[in-house]
Amino acid sequence: MNADRLILEMILNRRSQENLVLHLVGENDRELSNESGYAPVVLAANRWIMSDRPAKAVYPEVVFIFNVPAGSVYGYFVAQQHSGEVMWRGKLPAPFDSKTPGDAVKIRLIRTFAQARVTS
């Protein structure tokens, strides 16, 4: 099965044994430390908004708020919750620098599928 089809099936909740989880990426392409108050976010299947032609999945904006300075955030990755397998990665338009407690970064996921159609 190709990666796009697997991701689409997970978004549509047709693979209930694995949820998708959004993680933030900092220095050296590594996940941010939990010491900053950061925690990955489980992406609920029922919150994705689907459209067709082209097949596209959009997730509502996720806001990460830091309790302490976290340094630079360069991007994100989406992985399977239990296996940890990375499904896709993305970069922020510009690095976000968390310098003070309460700083927040917002991520809106948009995933387009080249060879798929959305059906009920």
N, C-alpha and C. Protein backbone atom coordinates (compact mmCIF):
# COMPACT_ATOMS: atom_id res chain seq x y z
N MET A 1 0.85 -1.17 0.00
CA MET A 1 0.00 0.00 0.00
C MET A 1 0.90 1.23 0.00
N ASN A 2 0.57 2.22 -0.86
CA ASN A 2 1.41 3.42 -0.89
C ASN A 2 1.11 4.32 0.30
N ALA A 3 2.04 5.23 0.61
CA ALA A 3 1.94 6.08 1.81
C ALA A 3 0.72 6.98 1.77
N ASP A 4 0.40 7.58 0.61
CA ASP A 4 -0.77 8.45 0.52
C ASP A 4 -2.05 7.70 0.87
N ARG A 5 -2.19 6.50 0.37
CA ARG A 5 -3.40 5.73 0.65
C ARG A 5 -3.49 5.38 2.14
N LEU A 6 -2.37 4.99 2.73
CA LEU A 6 -2.35 4.67 4.16
C LEU A 6 -2.72 5.90 4.99
N ILE A 7 -2.14 7.05 4.67
CA ILE A 7 -2.45 8.29 5.40
C ILE A 7 -3.92 8.64 5.24
N LEU A 8 -4.46 8.55 4.03
CA LEU A 8 -5.86 8.86 3.79
C LEU A 8 -6.77 7.93 4.59
N GLU A 9 -6.45 6.64 4.63
CA GLU A 9 -7.25 5.70 5.41
C GLU A 9 -7.20 6.02 6.90
N MET A 10 -6.05 6.47 7.39
CA MET A 10 -5.93 6.83 8.81
C MET A 10 -6.73 8.09 9.11
N ILE A 11 -6.67 9.07 8.22
CA ILE A 11 -7.42 10.31 8.41
C ILE A 11 -8.92 10.02 8.42
N LEU A 12 -9.36 9.12 7.55
CA LEU A 12 -10.78 8.77 7.48
C LEU A 12 -11.19 7.77 8.56
N ASN A 13 -10.26 7.42 9.43
CA ASN A 13 -10.48 6.50 10.54
C ASN A 13 -10.86 5.09 10.07
N ARG A 14 -10.28 4.67 8.98
CA ARG A 14 -10.50 3.30 8.50
C ARG A 14 -9.42 2.37 9.02
N ARG A 15 -8.46 2.92 9.76
CA ARG A 15 -7.39 2.14 10.41
C ARG A 15 -7.37 2.56 11.87
N SER A 16 -8.34 2.09 12.63
CA SER A 16 -8.55 2.57 14.00
C SER A 16 -7.45 2.15 14.97
N GLN A 17 -6.62 1.18 14.61
CA GLN A 17 -5.57 0.77 15.54
C GLN A 17 -4.45 1.80 15.66
N GLU A 18 -4.39 2.75 14.77
CA GLU A 18 -3.33 3.76 14.79
C GLU A 18 -3.92 5.14 14.57
N ASN A 19 -3.75 6.03 15.53
CA ASN A 19 -4.08 7.43 15.34
C ASN A 19 -2.85 8.16 14.84
N LEU A 20 -3.06 9.31 14.24
CA LEU A 20 -1.95 10.17 13.83
C LEU A 20 -1.65 11.16 14.94
N VAL A 21 -0.37 11.50 15.11
CA VAL A 21 0.07 12.41 16.16
C VAL A 21 0.96 13.48 15.54
N LEU A 22 0.70 14.76 15.90
CA LEU A 22 1.48 15.90 15.41
C LEU A 22 2.59 16.22 16.40
N HIS A 23 3.84 16.27 15.90
CA HIS A 23 5.03 16.56 16.71
C HIS A 23 5.70 17.81 16.15
N LEU A 24 6.37 18.57 17.00
CA LEU A 24 7.14 19.74 16.55
C LEU A 24 8.62 19.40 16.44
N VAL A 25 9.28 20.05 15.49
CA VAL A 25 10.70 19.82 15.21
C VAL A 25 11.49 21.08 15.51
N GLY A 26 12.59 20.90 16.25
CA GLY A 26 13.48 22.02 16.58
C GLY A 26 14.83 21.86 15.92
N GLU A 27 15.87 22.21 16.67
CA GLU A 27 17.26 22.14 16.18
C GLU A 27 17.62 20.75 15.68
N ASN A 28 18.43 20.69 14.64
CA ASN A 28 18.97 19.44 14.09
C ASN A 28 17.89 18.43 13.72
N ASP A 29 16.73 18.94 13.31
CA ASP A 29 15.63 18.08 12.85
C ASP A 29 15.18 17.08 13.92
N ARG A 30 15.23 17.51 15.20
CA ARG A 30 14.84 16.65 16.32
C ARG A 30 13.56 17.17 16.94
N GLU A 31 12.80 16.24 17.52
CA GLU A 31 11.57 16.63 18.20
C GLU A 31 11.91 17.52 19.40
N LEU A 32 11.05 18.50 19.67
CA LEU A 32 11.27 19.39 20.81
C LEU A 32 11.19 18.60 22.11
N SER A 33 11.85 19.11 23.11
CA SER A 33 11.89 18.49 24.43
C SER A 33 10.58 18.77 25.18
N ASN A 34 10.12 17.78 25.95
CA ASN A 34 8.92 17.96 26.77
C ASN A 34 9.16 18.94 27.91
N GLU A 35 10.41 19.25 28.22
CA GLU A 35 10.73 20.18 29.31
C GLU A 35 10.20 21.59 29.05
N SER A 36 9.90 21.91 27.81
CA SER A 36 9.39 23.24 27.47
C SER A 36 7.88 23.34 27.68
N GLY A 37 7.26 22.25 28.11
CA GLY A 37 5.81 22.23 28.24
C GLY A 37 5.14 21.74 26.98
N TYR A 38 5.95 21.47 25.97
CA TYR A 38 5.44 20.96 24.69
C TYR A 38 5.02 19.51 24.85
N ALA A 39 3.92 19.15 24.23
CA ALA A 39 3.49 17.75 24.16
C ALA A 39 2.89 17.51 22.78
N PRO A 40 3.20 16.39 22.15
CA PRO A 40 2.60 16.07 20.86
C PRO A 40 1.07 16.03 20.99
N VAL A 41 0.37 16.23 19.86
CA VAL A 41 -1.08 16.27 19.85
C VAL A 41 -1.63 15.14 19.00
N VAL A 42 -2.53 14.33 19.59
CA VAL A 42 -3.22 13.28 18.84
C VAL A 42 -4.25 13.96 17.95
N LEU A 43 -4.23 13.63 16.67
CA LEU A 43 -5.14 14.23 15.70
C LEU A 43 -6.41 13.38 15.61
N ALA A 44 -7.52 13.93 16.08
CA ALA A 44 -8.80 13.20 16.08
C ALA A 44 -9.31 13.05 14.65
N ALA A 45 -9.64 11.83 14.28
CA ALA A 45 -10.09 11.56 12.91
C ALA A 45 -11.32 12.37 12.53
N ASN A 46 -12.21 12.63 13.48
CA ASN A 46 -13.45 13.34 13.14
C ASN A 46 -13.27 14.85 12.97
N ARG A 47 -12.06 15.37 13.16
CA ARG A 47 -11.83 16.80 13.01
C ARG A 47 -11.26 17.18 11.64
N TRP A 48 -10.84 16.18 10.87
CA TRP A 48 -10.34 16.45 9.52
C TRP A 48 -11.50 16.88 8.63
N ILE A 49 -11.27 17.88 7.77
CA ILE A 49 -12.25 18.32 6.78
C ILE A 49 -11.73 17.85 5.43
N MET A 50 -12.57 17.06 4.75
CA MET A 50 -12.17 16.46 3.49
C MET A 50 -12.81 17.19 2.31
N SER A 51 -12.08 17.26 1.21
CA SER A 51 -12.64 17.77 -0.04
C SER A 51 -12.12 16.90 -1.17
N ASP A 52 -12.74 17.04 -2.32
CA ASP A 52 -12.42 16.20 -3.47
C ASP A 52 -11.94 17.08 -4.62
N ARG A 53 -11.20 16.50 -5.54
CA ARG A 53 -10.73 17.11 -6.78
C ARG A 53 -9.91 18.36 -6.57
N PRO A 54 -8.71 18.30 -6.14
CA PRO A 54 -8.02 17.08 -5.72
C PRO A 54 -8.42 16.69 -4.31
N ALA A 55 -8.19 15.43 -3.98
CA ALA A 55 -8.48 14.97 -2.63
C ALA A 55 -7.58 15.73 -1.66
N LYS A 56 -8.20 16.35 -0.65
CA LYS A 56 -7.44 17.17 0.29
C LYS A 56 -8.04 17.00 1.67
N ALA A 57 -7.15 16.91 2.68
CA ALA A 57 -7.56 16.83 4.07
C ALA A 57 -6.99 18.05 4.80
N VAL A 58 -7.84 18.75 5.56
CA VAL A 58 -7.42 19.94 6.30
C VAL A 58 -7.79 19.71 7.76
N TYR A 59 -6.82 19.95 8.66
CA TYR A 59 -7.05 19.80 10.09
C TYR A 59 -7.12 21.20 10.70
N PRO A 60 -8.07 21.42 11.62
CA PRO A 60 -8.15 22.75 12.26
C PRO A 60 -6.83 23.11 12.93
N GLU A 61 -6.61 24.40 13.04
CA GLU A 61 -5.38 24.91 13.62
C GLU A 61 -5.10 24.31 15.01
N VAL A 62 -3.87 23.87 15.20
CA VAL A 62 -3.41 23.35 16.50
C VAL A 62 -2.47 24.39 17.08
N VAL A 63 -2.70 24.75 18.34
CA VAL A 63 -1.87 25.76 19.01
C VAL A 63 -1.03 25.09 20.08
N PHE A 64 0.27 25.26 19.99
CA PHE A 64 1.20 24.77 21.00
C PHE A 64 1.65 25.97 21.84
N ILE A 65 1.45 25.92 23.16
CA ILE A 65 1.86 26.99 24.06
C ILE A 65 3.00 26.47 24.93
N PHE A 66 4.08 27.25 25.02
CA PHE A 66 5.26 26.82 25.76
C PHE A 66 5.28 27.42 27.16
N ASN A 67 5.59 26.58 28.16
CA ASN A 67 5.68 27.04 29.55
C ASN A 67 7.00 27.76 29.83
N VAL A 68 8.03 27.38 29.11
CA VAL A 68 9.36 27.98 29.23
C VAL A 68 9.90 28.17 27.81
N PRO A 69 10.92 28.99 27.62
CA PRO A 69 11.48 29.15 26.28
C PRO A 69 11.90 27.80 25.69
N ALA A 70 11.49 27.56 24.46
CA ALA A 70 11.76 26.26 23.83
C ALA A 70 12.79 26.35 22.72
N GLY A 71 13.25 27.56 22.40
CA GLY A 71 14.18 27.70 21.30
C GLY A 71 13.44 27.80 19.98
N SER A 72 14.09 27.40 18.92
CA SER A 72 13.52 27.53 17.58
C SER A 72 12.71 26.31 17.19
N VAL A 73 11.59 26.57 16.55
CA VAL A 73 10.75 25.52 15.96
C VAL A 73 10.85 25.70 14.46
N TYR A 74 11.25 24.65 13.77
CA TYR A 74 11.46 24.72 12.33
C TYR A 74 10.37 24.05 11.51
N GLY A 75 9.67 23.10 12.14
CA GLY A 75 8.66 22.37 11.38
C GLY A 75 7.94 21.37 12.26
N TYR A 76 7.41 20.37 11.61
CA TYR A 76 6.61 19.36 12.30
C TYR A 76 6.73 18.03 11.58
N PHE A 77 6.29 16.99 12.25
CA PHE A 77 6.09 15.72 11.56
C PHE A 77 4.85 15.06 12.13
N VAL A 78 4.22 14.23 11.32
CA VAL A 78 3.04 13.49 11.72
C VAL A 78 3.43 12.02 11.70
N ALA A 79 3.19 11.35 12.83
CA ALA A 79 3.58 9.94 12.98
C ALA A 79 2.41 9.12 13.49
N GLN A 80 2.52 7.82 13.31
CA GLN A 80 1.54 6.91 13.88
C GLN A 80 1.73 6.88 15.39
N GLN A 81 0.62 6.84 16.13
CA GLN A 81 0.68 6.94 17.58
C GLN A 81 1.42 5.78 18.23
N HIS A 82 1.16 4.56 17.83
CA HIS A 82 1.75 3.41 18.53
C HIS A 82 3.08 2.97 17.93
N SER A 83 3.15 2.90 16.61
CA SER A 83 4.39 2.43 15.99
C SER A 83 5.45 3.52 15.93
N GLY A 84 5.03 4.79 15.93
CA GLY A 84 5.98 5.90 15.80
C GLY A 84 6.45 6.15 14.38
N GLU A 85 5.93 5.38 13.44
CA GLU A 85 6.35 5.55 12.04
C GLU A 85 5.93 6.93 11.53
N VAL A 86 6.90 7.66 10.98
CA VAL A 86 6.64 9.00 10.45
C VAL A 86 5.91 8.87 9.12
N MET A 87 4.77 9.57 9.01
CA MET A 87 3.97 9.52 7.80
C MET A 87 4.31 10.66 6.85
N TRP A 88 4.55 11.86 7.39
CA TRP A 88 5.02 12.97 6.59
C TRP A 88 5.60 14.07 7.48
N ARG A 89 6.37 14.95 6.84
CA ARG A 89 7.03 16.07 7.52
C ARG A 89 6.67 17.36 6.81
N GLY A 90 6.79 18.47 7.54
CA GLY A 90 6.56 19.77 6.94
C GLY A 90 7.42 20.82 7.63
N LYS A 91 7.68 21.91 6.93
CA LYS A 91 8.47 23.01 7.50
C LYS A 91 7.56 24.22 7.69
N LEU A 92 7.87 25.03 8.71
CA LEU A 92 7.17 26.29 8.90
C LEU A 92 7.66 27.26 7.84
N PRO A 93 6.84 28.26 7.48
CA PRO A 93 7.30 29.24 6.48
C PRO A 93 8.56 29.96 6.92
N ALA A 94 8.72 30.15 8.23
CA ALA A 94 9.92 30.74 8.81
C ALA A 94 10.08 30.15 10.20
N PRO A 95 11.31 30.02 10.70
CA PRO A 95 11.47 29.48 12.05
C PRO A 95 10.71 30.33 13.08
N PHE A 96 10.15 29.66 14.08
CA PHE A 96 9.46 30.33 15.18
C PHE A 96 10.37 30.24 16.40
N ASP A 97 10.67 31.38 17.02
CA ASP A 97 11.54 31.38 18.19
C ASP A 97 10.72 31.58 19.46
N SER A 98 10.70 30.56 20.31
CA SER A 98 10.04 30.62 21.60
C SER A 98 11.04 31.16 22.61
N LYS A 99 10.82 32.41 23.05
CA LYS A 99 11.79 33.07 23.94
C LYS A 99 11.25 33.30 25.34
N THR A 100 9.93 33.34 25.49
CA THR A 100 9.34 33.63 26.80
C THR A 100 8.20 32.67 27.10
N PRO A 101 7.92 32.41 28.39
CA PRO A 101 6.78 31.57 28.74
C PRO A 101 5.50 32.16 28.14
N GLY A 102 4.67 31.29 27.62
CA GLY A 102 3.42 31.73 27.00
C GLY A 102 3.50 31.91 25.50
N ASP A 103 4.73 31.85 24.93
CA ASP A 103 4.84 31.90 23.47
C ASP A 103 4.06 30.74 22.87
N ALA A 104 3.49 30.99 21.70
CA ALA A 104 2.67 29.96 21.06
C ALA A 104 2.98 29.89 19.57
N VAL A 105 2.96 28.69 19.04
CA VAL A 105 3.09 28.48 17.61
C VAL A 105 1.84 27.75 17.14
N LYS A 106 1.34 28.14 15.96
CA LYS A 106 0.12 27.56 15.40
C LYS A 106 0.45 26.77 14.16
N ILE A 107 -0.12 25.58 14.07
CA ILE A 107 0.10 24.69 12.92
C ILE A 107 -1.26 24.35 12.33
N ARG A 108 -1.39 24.51 11.02
CA ARG A 108 -2.60 24.08 10.31
C ARG A 108 -2.16 23.08 9.26
N LEU A 109 -2.63 21.87 9.39
CA LEU A 109 -2.22 20.80 8.48
C LEU A 109 -3.13 20.78 7.25
N ILE A 110 -2.51 20.75 6.08
CA ILE A 110 -3.23 20.58 4.82
C ILE A 110 -2.47 19.51 4.05
N ARG A 111 -3.15 18.44 3.74
CA ARG A 111 -2.51 17.32 3.02
C ARG A 111 -3.30 17.06 1.74
N THR A 112 -2.63 17.15 0.60
CA THR A 112 -3.25 16.89 -0.69
C THR A 112 -2.79 15.53 -1.20
N PHE A 113 -3.72 14.80 -1.78
CA PHE A 113 -3.44 13.45 -2.28
C PHE A 113 -3.60 13.46 -3.79
N ALA A 114 -2.51 13.22 -4.50
CA ALA A 114 -2.50 13.33 -5.95
C ALA A 114 -3.35 12.28 -6.67
N GLN A 115 -3.36 11.07 -6.19
CA GLN A 115 -4.00 9.97 -6.91
C GLN A 115 -5.20 9.39 -6.17
N ALA A 116 -5.88 10.18 -5.39
CA ALA A 116 -6.99 9.63 -4.58
C ALA A 116 -8.26 10.45 -4.77
N ARG A 117 -9.39 9.80 -4.49
CA ARG A 117 -10.69 10.47 -4.46
C ARG A 117 -11.31 10.20 -3.12
N VAL A 118 -12.03 11.18 -2.59
CA VAL A 118 -12.71 11.03 -1.32
C VAL A 118 -14.11 10.49 -1.60
N THR A 119 -14.42 9.33 -0.99
CA THR A 119 -15.77 8.76 -1.10
C THR A 119 -16.28 8.43 0.28
N SER A 120 -17.58 8.42 0.43
CA SER A 120 -18.19 8.11 1.74
C SER A 120 -18.18 6.64 2.00
